[in-house]
Amino acid sequence: MKNILIIILFTLSLQSAHSQIEQDKVLHFLGGNLYGLVGAGVANEISDGDRTWTFIGAVGGSLLIGLAKESIDQKQYGGWSNEDLLATVLGGATVGVTIDIFKKKKQRKREQLYKDAIKSADLRFQKKFPIETKEINSLLVLGMSSSVLEK
């Protein structure tokens, strides 16, 4: 019951916070998400899946599109907005963090599958052969009995 009350209060506070955010900032945030995703994909391919470069690519992609949009706004409307630029970069940063979280989860799952496979492989193929204290000669290696030598 306590958790449900906390969730309801949190949801109500989000609705009042959403009404205070301008529609323009929401669009900048979504644009930052989109171009952050593109930047993360490009950086992921170039860096062969390095998590740091993927995050930098997400933030960098959103920063580039944010700077381009604000420079267009400056030229057309005569107004540069640092708040719009911040909203765009935050959109890219959220995409970078989200990709990092899911990539880390996927990597942990792969590592766990690998550990499980190694553990089961060790149990399945672990065999103990009886060791005989006989002297090994060439006939034993060929699979012949040592009684052949006695005759």
N, C-alpha and C. Protein backbone atom coordinates (compact mmCIF):
# COMPACT_ATOMS: atom_id res chain seq x y z
N MET A 1 0.81 -1.18 0.00
CA MET A 1 0.00 0.00 0.00
C MET A 1 0.86 1.26 0.00
N LYS A 2 1.94 1.19 0.76
CA LYS A 2 2.84 2.33 0.84
C LYS A 2 3.49 2.62 -0.51
N ASN A 3 3.88 1.55 -1.21
CA ASN A 3 4.50 1.72 -2.53
C ASN A 3 3.52 2.29 -3.54
N ILE A 4 2.27 1.87 -3.47
CA ILE A 4 1.27 2.39 -4.40
C ILE A 4 1.05 3.88 -4.18
N LEU A 5 1.03 4.30 -2.93
CA LEU A 5 0.86 5.72 -2.61
C LEU A 5 2.04 6.54 -3.14
N ILE A 6 3.24 6.02 -3.00
CA ILE A 6 4.43 6.71 -3.52
C ILE A 6 4.37 6.82 -5.04
N ILE A 7 3.95 5.77 -5.71
CA ILE A 7 3.86 5.79 -7.17
C ILE A 7 2.80 6.80 -7.63
N ILE A 8 1.69 6.86 -6.94
CA ILE A 8 0.64 7.81 -7.31
C ILE A 8 1.12 9.25 -7.13
N LEU A 9 1.78 9.53 -6.01
CA LEU A 9 2.30 10.88 -5.78
C LEU A 9 3.36 11.25 -6.80
N PHE A 10 4.22 10.30 -7.14
CA PHE A 10 5.26 10.55 -8.14
C PHE A 10 4.64 10.84 -9.51
N THR A 11 3.62 10.10 -9.87
CA THR A 11 2.94 10.31 -11.15
C THR A 11 2.26 11.67 -11.20
N LEU A 12 1.62 12.06 -10.12
CA LEU A 12 0.97 13.37 -10.08
C LEU A 12 1.99 14.50 -10.16
N SER A 13 3.14 14.32 -9.53
CA SER A 13 4.16 15.37 -9.60
C SER A 13 4.75 15.48 -11.00
N LEU A 14 4.84 14.36 -11.70
CA LEU A 14 5.34 14.40 -13.08
C LEU A 14 4.38 15.15 -14.00
N GLN A 15 3.09 14.98 -13.77
CA GLN A 15 2.11 15.66 -14.62
C GLN A 15 2.20 17.16 -14.43
N SER A 16 2.38 17.63 -13.20
CA SER A 16 2.49 19.06 -12.99
C SER A 16 3.82 19.59 -13.54
N ALA A 17 4.88 18.78 -13.49
CA ALA A 17 6.16 19.21 -14.04
C ALA A 17 6.09 19.26 -15.56
N HIS A 18 5.35 18.34 -16.17
CA HIS A 18 5.23 18.31 -17.62
C HIS A 18 4.52 19.55 -18.14
N SER A 19 3.57 20.06 -17.38
CA SER A 19 2.84 21.24 -17.84
C SER A 19 3.70 22.48 -17.80
N GLN A 20 4.79 22.46 -17.03
CA GLN A 20 5.67 23.62 -16.93
C GLN A 20 6.71 23.64 -18.04
N ILE A 21 6.95 22.52 -18.70
CA ILE A 21 7.96 22.46 -19.77
C ILE A 21 7.33 22.94 -21.07
N GLU A 22 8.05 23.81 -21.75
CA GLU A 22 7.54 24.32 -23.01
C GLU A 22 7.56 23.21 -24.07
N GLN A 23 6.65 23.30 -25.01
CA GLN A 23 6.57 22.31 -26.08
C GLN A 23 7.84 22.32 -26.93
N ASP A 24 8.46 23.48 -27.08
CA ASP A 24 9.69 23.61 -27.86
C ASP A 24 10.82 22.79 -27.24
N LYS A 25 10.90 22.79 -25.93
CA LYS A 25 11.97 22.04 -25.24
C LYS A 25 11.75 20.53 -25.40
N VAL A 26 10.50 20.12 -25.38
CA VAL A 26 10.19 18.70 -25.58
C VAL A 26 10.61 18.26 -26.97
N LEU A 27 10.37 19.09 -27.97
CA LEU A 27 10.78 18.76 -29.34
C LEU A 27 12.30 18.73 -29.47
N HIS A 28 12.98 19.64 -28.79
CA HIS A 28 14.45 19.60 -28.80
C HIS A 28 14.97 18.34 -28.13
N PHE A 29 14.33 17.94 -27.03
CA PHE A 29 14.72 16.72 -26.34
C PHE A 29 14.54 15.50 -27.24
N LEU A 30 13.41 15.43 -27.94
CA LEU A 30 13.16 14.30 -28.84
C LEU A 30 14.12 14.31 -30.03
N GLY A 31 14.43 15.50 -30.53
CA GLY A 31 15.43 15.59 -31.60
C GLY A 31 16.79 15.14 -31.12
N GLY A 32 17.14 15.50 -29.89
CA GLY A 32 18.39 15.03 -29.30
C GLY A 32 18.41 13.53 -29.13
N ASN A 33 17.26 12.95 -28.78
CA ASN A 33 17.16 11.48 -28.69
C ASN A 33 17.44 10.83 -30.04
N LEU A 34 16.81 11.37 -31.07
CA LEU A 34 16.94 10.78 -32.40
C LEU A 34 18.38 10.87 -32.91
N TYR A 35 18.95 12.06 -32.86
CA TYR A 35 20.31 12.21 -33.38
C TYR A 35 21.35 11.63 -32.44
N GLY A 36 21.03 11.53 -31.15
CA GLY A 36 21.91 10.82 -30.23
C GLY A 36 21.96 9.34 -30.55
N LEU A 37 20.83 8.79 -30.96
CA LEU A 37 20.78 7.39 -31.36
C LEU A 37 21.61 7.15 -32.62
N VAL A 38 21.52 8.08 -33.55
CA VAL A 38 22.31 7.96 -34.78
C VAL A 38 23.80 8.06 -34.44
N GLY A 39 24.15 9.05 -33.62
CA GLY A 39 25.56 9.22 -33.23
C GLY A 39 26.09 8.02 -32.47
N ALA A 40 25.27 7.44 -31.60
CA ALA A 40 25.70 6.25 -30.86
C ALA A 40 25.90 5.06 -31.79
N GLY A 41 25.02 4.93 -32.78
CA GLY A 41 25.18 3.83 -33.74
C GLY A 41 26.45 3.96 -34.56
N VAL A 42 26.73 5.17 -35.01
CA VAL A 42 27.96 5.40 -35.80
C VAL A 42 29.20 5.16 -34.94
N ALA A 43 29.19 5.70 -33.72
CA ALA A 43 30.35 5.53 -32.82
C ALA A 43 30.53 4.07 -32.42
N ASN A 44 29.43 3.35 -32.26
CA ASN A 44 29.51 1.94 -31.92
C ASN A 44 30.18 1.14 -33.03
N GLU A 45 29.83 1.45 -34.26
CA GLU A 45 30.44 0.75 -35.40
C GLU A 45 31.91 1.10 -35.56
N ILE A 46 32.24 2.36 -35.38
CA ILE A 46 33.63 2.79 -35.57
C ILE A 46 34.53 2.23 -34.47
N SER A 47 34.03 2.22 -33.24
CA SER A 47 34.87 1.81 -32.11
C SER A 47 34.75 0.32 -31.77
N ASP A 48 34.08 -0.44 -32.59
CA ASP A 48 33.89 -1.88 -32.37
C ASP A 48 33.21 -2.17 -31.03
N GLY A 49 32.19 -1.36 -30.69
CA GLY A 49 31.37 -1.64 -29.52
C GLY A 49 31.90 -1.11 -28.21
N ASP A 50 32.85 -0.18 -28.21
CA ASP A 50 33.36 0.39 -26.97
C ASP A 50 32.27 1.24 -26.33
N ARG A 51 31.96 0.99 -25.06
CA ARG A 51 30.86 1.67 -24.39
C ARG A 51 31.10 3.16 -24.23
N THR A 52 32.32 3.55 -23.94
CA THR A 52 32.63 4.96 -23.74
C THR A 52 32.42 5.75 -25.02
N TRP A 53 32.93 5.22 -26.11
CA TRP A 53 32.79 5.93 -27.38
C TRP A 53 31.34 5.94 -27.87
N THR A 54 30.59 4.92 -27.52
CA THR A 54 29.17 4.91 -27.88
C THR A 54 28.43 6.04 -27.16
N PHE A 55 28.72 6.23 -25.88
CA PHE A 55 28.11 7.33 -25.13
C PHE A 55 28.55 8.68 -25.68
N ILE A 56 29.84 8.82 -25.96
CA ILE A 56 30.35 10.08 -26.52
C ILE A 56 29.71 10.35 -27.88
N GLY A 57 29.49 9.31 -28.66
CA GLY A 57 28.82 9.47 -29.95
C GLY A 57 27.39 9.94 -29.80
N ALA A 58 26.69 9.43 -28.78
CA ALA A 58 25.31 9.85 -28.55
C ALA A 58 25.26 11.33 -28.15
N VAL A 59 26.12 11.73 -27.23
CA VAL A 59 26.14 13.13 -26.80
C VAL A 59 26.64 14.02 -27.93
N GLY A 60 27.65 13.55 -28.64
CA GLY A 60 28.20 14.34 -29.75
C GLY A 60 27.21 14.54 -30.88
N GLY A 61 26.47 13.49 -31.21
CA GLY A 61 25.46 13.60 -32.28
C GLY A 61 24.37 14.60 -31.91
N SER A 62 23.93 14.54 -30.67
CA SER A 62 22.89 15.49 -30.25
C SER A 62 23.46 16.91 -30.14
N LEU A 63 24.71 17.04 -29.73
CA LEU A 63 25.33 18.36 -29.65
C LEU A 63 25.47 18.99 -31.04
N LEU A 64 25.88 18.18 -32.00
CA LEU A 64 26.02 18.70 -33.37
C LEU A 64 24.69 19.19 -33.93
N ILE A 65 23.64 18.40 -33.76
CA ILE A 65 22.35 18.82 -34.30
C ILE A 65 21.79 20.00 -33.52
N GLY A 66 22.08 20.05 -32.22
CA GLY A 66 21.63 21.18 -31.41
C GLY A 66 22.31 22.47 -31.82
N LEU A 67 23.62 22.40 -32.06
CA LEU A 67 24.36 23.59 -32.53
C LEU A 67 23.87 24.03 -33.90
N ALA A 68 23.61 23.06 -34.78
CA ALA A 68 23.11 23.41 -36.12
C ALA A 68 21.75 24.09 -36.04
N LYS A 69 20.86 23.54 -35.21
CA LYS A 69 19.52 24.12 -35.08
C LYS A 69 19.57 25.51 -34.47
N GLU A 70 20.38 25.69 -33.45
CA GLU A 70 20.46 27.01 -32.82
C GLU A 70 21.14 28.03 -33.73
N SER A 71 22.08 27.60 -34.54
CA SER A 71 22.68 28.55 -35.49
C SER A 71 21.67 28.96 -36.56
N ILE A 72 20.80 28.03 -36.98
CA ILE A 72 19.72 28.37 -37.92
C ILE A 72 18.74 29.33 -37.26
N ASP A 73 18.38 29.05 -36.00
CA ASP A 73 17.49 29.96 -35.27
C ASP A 73 18.10 31.35 -35.11
N GLN A 74 19.40 31.40 -34.86
CA GLN A 74 20.08 32.69 -34.72
C GLN A 74 20.01 33.48 -36.01
N LYS A 75 20.19 32.79 -37.12
CA LYS A 75 20.19 33.48 -38.41
C LYS A 75 18.78 33.90 -38.82
N GLN A 76 17.79 33.02 -38.61
CA GLN A 76 16.43 33.31 -39.07
C GLN A 76 15.66 34.21 -38.10
N TYR A 77 15.77 33.90 -36.80
CA TYR A 77 14.94 34.61 -35.83
C TYR A 77 15.72 35.58 -34.96
N GLY A 78 17.03 35.52 -35.02
CA GLY A 78 17.85 36.42 -34.22
C GLY A 78 17.89 36.04 -32.75
N GLY A 79 17.69 34.78 -32.45
CA GLY A 79 17.69 34.36 -31.04
C GLY A 79 18.34 33.02 -30.84
N TRP A 80 19.43 33.02 -30.08
CA TRP A 80 20.12 31.79 -29.70
C TRP A 80 19.58 31.39 -28.33
N SER A 81 19.22 30.13 -28.15
CA SER A 81 18.67 29.68 -26.87
C SER A 81 19.55 28.57 -26.30
N ASN A 82 20.24 28.89 -25.21
CA ASN A 82 21.05 27.87 -24.54
C ASN A 82 20.18 26.79 -23.90
N GLU A 83 18.96 27.14 -23.52
CA GLU A 83 18.05 26.16 -22.93
C GLU A 83 17.64 25.11 -23.97
N ASP A 84 17.41 25.55 -25.20
CA ASP A 84 17.08 24.60 -26.26
C ASP A 84 18.27 23.68 -26.55
N LEU A 85 19.46 24.25 -26.57
CA LEU A 85 20.67 23.45 -26.79
C LEU A 85 20.85 22.43 -25.66
N LEU A 86 20.61 22.86 -24.43
CA LEU A 86 20.72 21.95 -23.29
C LEU A 86 19.70 20.83 -23.38
N ALA A 87 18.47 21.15 -23.78
CA ALA A 87 17.43 20.12 -23.92
C ALA A 87 17.83 19.10 -24.99
N THR A 88 18.43 19.57 -26.08
CA THR A 88 18.85 18.67 -27.15
C THR A 88 19.97 17.75 -26.68
N VAL A 89 20.95 18.31 -25.97
CA VAL A 89 22.08 17.50 -25.49
C VAL A 89 21.61 16.52 -24.41
N LEU A 90 20.68 16.93 -23.57
CA LEU A 90 20.13 16.01 -22.57
C LEU A 90 19.40 14.84 -23.23
N GLY A 91 18.75 15.10 -24.35
CA GLY A 91 18.12 14.01 -25.09
C GLY A 91 19.14 12.99 -25.56
N GLY A 92 20.27 13.46 -26.07
CA GLY A 92 21.34 12.55 -26.49
C GLY A 92 21.96 11.82 -25.32
N ALA A 93 22.12 12.51 -24.20
CA ALA A 93 22.72 11.87 -23.02
C ALA A 93 21.81 10.76 -22.48
N THR A 94 20.50 10.98 -22.50
CA THR A 94 19.60 9.92 -22.03
C THR A 94 19.65 8.70 -22.92
N VAL A 95 19.80 8.92 -24.23
CA VAL A 95 19.94 7.78 -25.14
C VAL A 95 21.25 7.05 -24.86
N GLY A 96 22.33 7.80 -24.63
CA GLY A 96 23.62 7.18 -24.33
C GLY A 96 23.58 6.35 -23.06
N VAL A 97 22.94 6.87 -22.02
CA VAL A 97 22.83 6.13 -20.76
C VAL A 97 21.96 4.89 -20.94
N THR A 98 20.87 5.03 -21.68
CA THR A 98 19.97 3.90 -21.90
C THR A 98 20.67 2.78 -22.68
N ILE A 99 21.40 3.15 -23.71
CA ILE A 99 22.15 2.15 -24.48
C ILE A 99 23.17 1.47 -23.60
N ASP A 100 23.85 2.25 -22.76
CA ASP A 100 24.87 1.69 -21.88
C ASP A 100 24.26 0.70 -20.88
N ILE A 101 23.11 1.04 -20.34
CA ILE A 101 22.46 0.15 -19.37
C ILE A 101 22.07 -1.17 -20.03
N PHE A 102 21.44 -1.10 -21.21
CA PHE A 102 21.00 -2.33 -21.86
C PHE A 102 22.17 -3.13 -22.41
N LYS A 103 23.22 -2.44 -22.84
CA LYS A 103 24.39 -3.15 -23.33
C LYS A 103 25.09 -3.88 -22.19
N LYS A 104 25.16 -3.23 -21.04
CA LYS A 104 25.77 -3.85 -19.87
C LYS A 104 24.97 -5.06 -19.43
N LYS A 105 23.65 -4.94 -19.47
CA LYS A 105 22.78 -6.06 -19.09
C LYS A 105 22.98 -7.24 -20.05
N LYS A 106 23.08 -6.93 -21.34
CA LYS A 106 23.28 -7.98 -22.34
C LYS A 106 24.65 -8.63 -22.15
N GLN A 107 25.67 -7.82 -21.83
CA GLN A 107 27.01 -8.37 -21.62
C GLN A 107 27.04 -9.27 -20.39
N ARG A 108 26.37 -8.86 -19.30
CA ARG A 108 26.30 -9.71 -18.11
C ARG A 108 25.59 -11.02 -18.41
N LYS A 109 24.54 -10.97 -19.23
CA LYS A 109 23.80 -12.18 -19.58
C LYS A 109 24.69 -13.12 -20.40
N ARG A 110 25.46 -12.56 -21.34
CA ARG A 110 26.37 -13.39 -22.13
C ARG A 110 27.44 -14.02 -21.26
N GLU A 111 27.99 -13.23 -20.31
CA GLU A 111 29.01 -13.78 -19.42
C GLU A 111 28.44 -14.90 -18.56
N GLN A 112 27.21 -14.74 -18.10
CA GLN A 112 26.58 -15.78 -17.29
C GLN A 112 26.33 -17.03 -18.12
N LEU A 113 25.88 -16.87 -19.36
CA LEU A 113 25.70 -18.02 -20.24
C LEU A 113 27.02 -18.74 -20.48
N TYR A 114 28.09 -17.98 -20.65
CA TYR A 114 29.41 -18.57 -20.87
C TYR A 114 29.85 -19.35 -19.63
N LYS A 115 29.65 -18.75 -18.44
CA LYS A 115 30.04 -19.44 -17.20
C LYS A 115 29.23 -20.72 -17.01
N ASP A 116 27.94 -20.66 -17.31
CA ASP A 116 27.10 -21.85 -17.20
C ASP A 116 27.54 -22.93 -18.17
N ALA A 117 27.91 -22.52 -19.39
CA ALA A 117 28.35 -23.50 -20.39
C ALA A 117 29.66 -24.15 -19.97
N ILE A 118 30.58 -23.36 -19.43
CA ILE A 118 31.86 -23.91 -18.99
C ILE A 118 31.65 -24.85 -17.81
N LYS A 119 30.78 -24.46 -16.90
CA LYS A 119 30.53 -25.29 -15.73
C LYS A 119 29.93 -26.63 -16.13
N SER A 120 28.96 -26.61 -17.04
CA SER A 120 28.33 -27.86 -17.45
C SER A 120 29.28 -28.69 -18.31
N ALA A 121 30.14 -28.02 -19.07
CA ALA A 121 31.10 -28.76 -19.88
C ALA A 121 32.11 -29.47 -19.00
N ASP A 122 32.53 -28.84 -17.91
CA ASP A 122 33.48 -29.48 -17.02
C ASP A 122 32.86 -30.70 -16.35
N LEU A 123 31.61 -30.64 -15.97
CA LEU A 123 30.97 -31.76 -15.31
C LEU A 123 30.69 -32.91 -16.28
N ARG A 124 30.35 -32.56 -17.49
CA ARG A 124 29.97 -33.58 -18.45
C ARG A 124 31.18 -34.38 -18.96
N PHE A 125 32.28 -33.72 -19.17
CA PHE A 125 33.42 -34.39 -19.79
C PHE A 125 34.51 -34.76 -18.80
N GLN A 126 34.25 -34.63 -17.54
CA GLN A 126 35.25 -34.97 -16.57
C GLN A 126 35.17 -36.47 -16.29
N LYS A 127 36.13 -37.22 -16.76
CA LYS A 127 36.15 -38.66 -16.57
C LYS A 127 37.46 -39.04 -15.89
N LYS A 128 37.36 -40.03 -15.05
CA LYS A 128 38.55 -40.53 -14.37
C LYS A 128 38.85 -41.92 -14.90
N PHE A 129 40.03 -42.09 -15.38
CA PHE A 129 40.45 -43.39 -15.89
C PHE A 129 41.26 -44.10 -14.80
N PRO A 130 41.04 -45.41 -14.67
CA PRO A 130 41.85 -46.13 -13.68
C PRO A 130 43.30 -46.20 -14.14
N ILE A 131 44.16 -45.97 -13.21
CA ILE A 131 45.59 -46.00 -13.53
C ILE A 131 46.14 -47.34 -13.06
N GLU A 132 46.71 -48.05 -14.01
CA GLU A 132 47.31 -49.33 -13.67
C GLU A 132 48.80 -49.12 -13.48
N THR A 133 49.37 -49.90 -12.62
CA THR A 133 50.79 -49.77 -12.33
C THR A 133 51.63 -50.72 -13.16
N LYS A 134 51.09 -51.16 -14.29
CA LYS A 134 51.83 -52.05 -15.17
C LYS A 134 52.84 -51.26 -15.98
N GLU A 135 53.82 -51.94 -16.39
CA GLU A 135 54.80 -51.32 -17.26
C GLU A 135 54.20 -51.30 -18.67
N ILE A 136 54.19 -50.14 -19.31
CA ILE A 136 53.58 -50.01 -20.62
C ILE A 136 54.62 -50.37 -21.67
N ASN A 137 54.24 -51.30 -22.53
CA ASN A 137 55.10 -51.62 -23.66
C ASN A 137 54.34 -51.39 -24.96
N SER A 138 54.98 -51.64 -26.04
CA SER A 138 54.38 -51.33 -27.34
C SER A 138 53.14 -52.19 -27.63
N LEU A 139 53.07 -53.41 -27.08
CA LEU A 139 51.91 -54.25 -27.33
C LEU A 139 50.68 -53.70 -26.61
N LEU A 140 50.87 -53.16 -25.42
CA LEU A 140 49.74 -52.57 -24.71
C LEU A 140 49.22 -51.33 -25.43
N VAL A 141 50.12 -50.59 -26.00
CA VAL A 141 49.71 -49.41 -26.73
C VAL A 141 48.87 -49.82 -27.95
N LEU A 142 49.20 -50.92 -28.57
CA LEU A 142 48.46 -51.41 -29.72
C LEU A 142 47.16 -52.11 -29.31
N GLY A 143 46.98 -52.32 -28.04
CA GLY A 143 45.75 -52.94 -27.58
C GLY A 143 45.85 -54.45 -27.43
N MET A 144 47.04 -54.99 -27.44
CA MET A 144 47.22 -56.43 -27.29
C MET A 144 47.52 -56.78 -25.84
N SER A 145 47.16 -57.95 -25.47
CA SER A 145 47.39 -58.39 -24.12
C SER A 145 48.86 -58.68 -23.88
N SER A 146 49.29 -58.57 -22.64
CA SER A 146 50.68 -58.87 -22.31
C SER A 146 50.92 -60.38 -22.26
N SER A 147 49.86 -61.17 -22.31
CA SER A 147 50.04 -62.63 -22.32
C SER A 147 50.68 -63.10 -23.63
N VAL A 148 50.62 -62.30 -24.66
CA VAL A 148 51.26 -62.65 -25.92
C VAL A 148 52.76 -62.72 -25.74
N LEU A 149 53.30 -61.87 -24.89
CA LEU A 149 54.74 -61.84 -24.63
C LEU A 149 55.20 -63.08 -23.84
N GLU A 150 54.32 -63.63 -23.01
CA GLU A 150 54.70 -64.76 -22.19
C GLU A 150 54.80 -66.05 -23.00
N LYS A 151 54.14 -66.15 -24.13
CA LYS A 151 54.14 -67.38 -24.89
C LYS A 151 55.27 -67.44 -25.86
